[in-house]
Protein backbone atom coordinates (compact mmCIF):
# COMPACT_ATOMS: atom_id res chain seq x y z
CA MET A 1 -1.83 84.74 -82.01
CA LEU A 2 -2.73 88.31 -81.06
CA ILE A 3 -0.02 90.05 -79.02
CA SER A 4 -1.25 92.51 -76.40
CA ILE A 5 0.10 96.03 -76.10
CA ALA A 6 1.75 95.12 -72.79
CA GLU A 7 3.63 92.26 -74.48
CA LYS A 8 4.71 94.51 -77.35
CA VAL A 9 6.06 97.08 -74.89
CA LYS A 10 7.93 94.33 -73.04
CA GLN A 11 9.52 93.18 -76.30
CA PHE A 12 10.48 96.78 -77.05
CA ASN A 13 11.96 97.19 -73.58
CA ASP A 14 13.84 93.88 -73.79
CA THR A 15 15.73 94.97 -76.90
CA LYS A 16 18.06 96.91 -74.57
CA LEU A 17 17.82 100.17 -76.46
CA SER A 18 19.10 103.39 -74.95
CA ASP A 19 16.99 105.16 -72.32
CA ASN A 20 16.30 108.01 -74.73
CA ASP A 21 14.58 105.69 -77.20
CA GLY A 22 11.64 105.10 -74.87
CA ILE A 23 11.44 108.80 -73.92
CA ASP A 24 11.48 109.87 -77.58
CA TYR A 25 8.79 107.34 -78.43
CA LEU A 26 6.59 108.67 -75.62
CA LYS A 27 6.98 112.22 -76.91
CA SER A 28 6.01 111.15 -80.43
CA LEU A 29 3.08 109.18 -79.04
CA ARG A 30 1.80 112.22 -77.14
CA ASP A 31 2.06 114.32 -80.32
CA ASN A 32 -0.01 111.71 -82.16
CA MET A 33 -2.57 111.66 -79.35
CA LYS A 34 -2.87 115.45 -79.50
CA SER A 35 -3.62 115.19 -83.23
CA LEU A 36 -6.20 112.48 -82.52
CA GLU A 37 -7.93 114.65 -79.93
CA GLU A 38 -8.06 117.61 -82.32
CA LYS A 39 -9.45 115.43 -85.10
CA PHE A 40 -12.05 113.96 -82.74
CA TYR A 41 -13.41 117.36 -81.68
CA LYS A 42 -13.38 118.76 -85.23
CA ASN A 43 -15.30 115.75 -86.52
CA PHE A 44 -17.80 115.97 -83.68
CA ILE A 45 -18.50 119.64 -84.41
CA THR A 46 -18.76 118.86 -88.12
CA VAL A 47 -21.36 116.16 -87.40
CA PHE A 48 -23.54 118.59 -85.45
CA LEU A 49 -23.30 121.14 -88.27
CA LEU A 50 -24.23 118.52 -90.85
CA ILE A 51 -27.22 117.43 -88.75
CA ALA A 52 -28.36 121.05 -88.47
CA ILE A 53 -27.98 121.56 -92.22
CA PHE A 54 -29.87 118.37 -92.99
CA ILE A 55 -32.77 119.31 -90.72
CA LEU A 56 -32.82 122.82 -92.20
CA PHE A 57 -33.02 121.49 -95.75
CA SER A 58 -35.48 118.68 -94.99
CA LYS A 59 -37.91 121.04 -93.23
CA SER A 60 -37.41 123.96 -95.59
CA VAL A 61 -39.73 124.96 -98.43
CA VAL A 62 -36.73 126.28 -100.37
CA THR A 63 -36.64 124.67 -103.78
CA GLN A 64 -33.40 126.19 -105.04
CA ILE A 65 -30.25 127.81 -103.69
CA SER A 66 -27.64 130.07 -105.26
CA ILE A 67 -23.93 129.96 -104.53
CA GLY A 68 -22.47 132.97 -106.30
CA PRO A 69 -23.25 132.65 -109.99
CA ILE A 70 -24.29 129.00 -109.58
CA ILE A 71 -27.98 128.23 -109.06
CA VAL A 72 -28.98 124.78 -107.87
CA LYS A 73 -32.66 124.07 -108.54
CA ASP A 74 -32.84 120.51 -107.20
CA VAL A 75 -32.05 121.00 -103.49
CA ALA A 76 -33.18 117.46 -102.65
CA SER A 77 -30.38 115.97 -104.73
CA ILE A 78 -27.84 117.90 -102.64
CA TYR A 79 -29.03 117.21 -99.12
CA ALA A 80 -29.66 113.58 -100.11
CA PHE A 81 -25.90 113.06 -99.89
CA LEU A 82 -25.65 114.40 -96.33
CA PRO A 83 -26.47 110.99 -94.73
CA LEU A 84 -23.48 109.52 -96.60
CA ILE A 85 -21.18 112.26 -95.29
CA LEU A 86 -22.58 111.73 -91.78
CA ALA A 87 -21.96 107.99 -92.01
CA TYR A 88 -18.37 108.59 -93.09
CA LYS A 89 -17.84 111.03 -90.22
CA TYR A 90 -19.26 108.45 -87.79
CA TYR A 91 -16.82 105.87 -89.14
CA GLU A 92 -13.94 108.33 -88.82
CA ILE A 93 -14.90 109.27 -85.24
CA CYS A 94 -15.06 105.58 -84.26
CA SER A 95 -11.62 104.99 -85.80
CA VAL A 96 -10.17 107.96 -83.93
CA MET A 97 -11.69 106.75 -80.65
CA VAL A 98 -10.19 103.26 -81.08
CA MET A 99 -6.75 104.69 -81.87
CA ARG A 100 -7.04 107.04 -78.90
CA ARG A 101 -7.88 104.15 -76.55
CA LEU A 102 -5.03 101.99 -77.83
CA SER A 103 -2.60 104.90 -77.64
CA ARG A 104 -3.74 105.55 -74.08
CA VAL A 105 -2.95 101.99 -73.02
CA LEU A 106 0.36 102.10 -74.89
CA HIS A 107 1.32 105.35 -73.15
CA LEU A 108 0.50 103.84 -69.78
CA GLU A 109 2.46 100.64 -70.40
CA LEU A 110 5.48 102.42 -71.81
CA THR A 111 5.56 104.95 -68.97
CA LYS A 112 5.40 102.07 -66.51
CA ARG A 113 8.61 100.65 -67.94
CA VAL A 114 10.49 103.75 -69.08
CA ASN A 115 9.65 106.07 -66.17
CA HIS A 116 8.26 103.94 -63.37
CA PRO A 117 8.35 106.66 -60.65
CA VAL A 118 6.04 108.84 -62.76
CA PHE A 119 3.67 105.90 -63.25
CA VAL A 120 3.58 104.98 -59.54
CA SER A 121 2.99 108.58 -58.44
CA GLY A 122 0.02 108.97 -60.80
CA LEU A 123 1.64 111.92 -62.57
CA GLU A 124 1.46 110.13 -65.91
CA TYR A 125 -1.98 111.65 -66.49
CA TYR A 126 -0.60 115.17 -66.68
CA LEU A 127 1.92 114.42 -69.42
CA MET A 128 -0.84 113.75 -71.89
CA PRO A 129 -2.76 116.25 -74.06
CA TYR A 130 -6.11 117.47 -72.76
CA SER A 131 -9.05 115.17 -73.34
CA ILE A 132 -12.49 114.76 -71.78
CA PHE A 133 -11.75 111.03 -71.67
CA LEU A 134 -8.58 111.66 -69.67
CA THR A 135 -10.47 113.96 -67.31
CA ASN A 136 -12.90 111.12 -66.62
CA GLU A 137 -9.98 108.87 -65.69
CA ILE A 138 -8.61 111.47 -63.28
CA VAL A 139 -12.06 111.96 -61.71
CA LEU A 140 -12.34 108.20 -61.18
CA GLU A 141 -8.89 107.94 -59.61
CA GLY A 142 -9.18 107.02 -55.95
CA LYS A 143 -12.94 106.52 -56.13
CA LYS A 144 -14.25 103.29 -54.62
CA GLY A 145 -17.49 101.43 -54.09
CA PHE A 146 -20.83 102.95 -55.04
CA GLN A 147 -19.43 106.31 -56.11
CA LYS A 148 -17.04 104.77 -58.64
CA HIS A 149 -19.64 102.37 -60.03
CA PHE A 150 -22.18 105.21 -60.31
CA ILE A 151 -19.79 107.40 -62.32
CA ILE A 152 -18.84 104.49 -64.58
CA LEU A 153 -22.55 103.78 -65.11
CA LEU A 154 -23.20 107.41 -66.10
CA LEU A 155 -20.27 107.40 -68.52
CA GLY A 156 -21.50 104.15 -70.01
CA LEU A 157 -25.01 105.54 -70.45
CA CYS A 158 -23.59 108.66 -72.14
CA ASP A 159 -21.60 106.46 -74.52
CA ILE A 160 -24.67 104.35 -75.35
CA ALA A 161 -26.82 107.46 -75.84
CA THR A 162 -24.24 108.96 -78.21
CA GLN A 163 -24.02 105.75 -80.24
CA LEU A 164 -27.81 105.44 -80.44
CA GLY A 165 -28.04 109.12 -81.35
CA PHE A 166 -25.69 108.65 -84.30
CA ILE A 167 -27.41 105.50 -85.51
CA GLY A 168 -30.90 106.87 -84.88
CA PHE A 169 -30.31 110.05 -86.83
CA GLU A 170 -28.73 108.12 -89.69
CA ILE A 171 -31.85 105.95 -89.91
CA TYR A 172 -34.03 109.07 -89.75
CA SER A 173 -32.04 110.83 -92.48
CA LEU A 174 -32.14 107.81 -94.79
CA HIS A 175 -35.88 107.50 -94.23
CA SER A 176 -36.28 111.18 -95.09
CA ILE A 177 -34.37 110.67 -98.32
CA TYR A 178 -36.53 107.64 -99.08
CA SER A 179 -39.68 109.71 -98.52
CA VAL A 180 -38.51 112.32 -101.02
CA LEU A 181 -36.80 110.21 -103.69
CA GLY A 182 -38.23 106.72 -103.26
CA THR A 183 -36.52 103.44 -104.09
CA SER A 184 -36.70 104.13 -107.83
CA SER A 185 -34.05 106.83 -107.48
CA ALA A 186 -30.44 105.83 -108.10
CA ILE A 187 -29.32 108.54 -105.66
CA PHE A 188 -31.19 106.82 -102.83
CA TRP A 189 -29.27 103.57 -103.34
CA ILE A 190 -25.95 105.34 -103.97
CA VAL A 191 -26.35 107.04 -100.60
CA SER A 192 -28.01 104.27 -98.59
CA ILE A 193 -25.77 101.27 -99.30
CA PRO A 194 -22.40 102.96 -98.55
CA SER A 195 -23.95 104.71 -95.52
CA VAL A 196 -25.07 101.42 -93.96
CA ILE A 197 -21.67 99.82 -94.69
CA LEU A 198 -19.79 102.73 -93.09
CA MET A 199 -22.02 102.70 -90.01
CA ILE A 200 -21.47 98.94 -89.56
CA LEU A 201 -17.71 99.28 -90.03
CA GLY A 202 -17.57 102.16 -87.57
CA TYR A 203 -19.47 100.30 -84.88
CA TYR A 204 -17.47 97.12 -85.50
CA SER A 205 -14.19 99.03 -85.08
CA LEU A 206 -15.34 100.08 -81.61
CA LEU A 207 -16.25 96.52 -80.68
CA SER A 208 -13.12 94.93 -82.11
CA LYS A 209 -10.90 96.09 -79.22
CA THR A 210 -13.59 96.56 -76.59
CA LYS A 211 -12.88 93.35 -74.67
CA GLU A 212 -9.15 93.98 -74.40
CA LEU A 213 -9.59 97.60 -73.30
CA ARG A 214 -12.42 96.95 -70.83
CA ASN A 215 -10.38 94.30 -69.07
CA TYR A 216 -7.41 96.62 -68.89
CA ASN A 217 -6.95 98.08 -65.43
CA ILE A 218 -5.83 101.68 -65.90
CA LYS A 219 -4.87 102.03 -62.23
């Protein structure tokens, strides 16, 4: 049976450890969340750079490139691997997002038990490292009715658009590789099969905890 984060925190709290144990764990958790945020932004920037490079190569008439003393004549064989790198980065971003969401819930639950006054006052937000996701939570705090539902709708649409953007460009890039190399090329299959697997795994990782996190009432 799957144990929720709230139940795990309760078990941790019921072990009657010293007060400092919970505080120390929260500090370590916040350090981990800071690393997750940094990794998320770096990967996102990397994805945009890779997309720009792929478009540059796919639309370019350049047939060879030189890197110092090395001359690469078959440019197509190089940029053909970019969809695979993009797919891996998508998988990594999805994994980071899931860990960030779970860590967020864990931080909330642990603060509720270890430092309840901070939780009740709503100051728990400001202990955490900066994140656009956290900013959205703060913006939503206190909002009710149409205004709250409208903001949630916009955030949901942005999330869907981002997901479709990733998937759409991956399909486009694989089709571009297919147009250049064809199905007779081993490179096409070496790139395509792992790319599709990584994209599926990435999207599945987001869905695997979606129900639990959506039903979780942050405030």
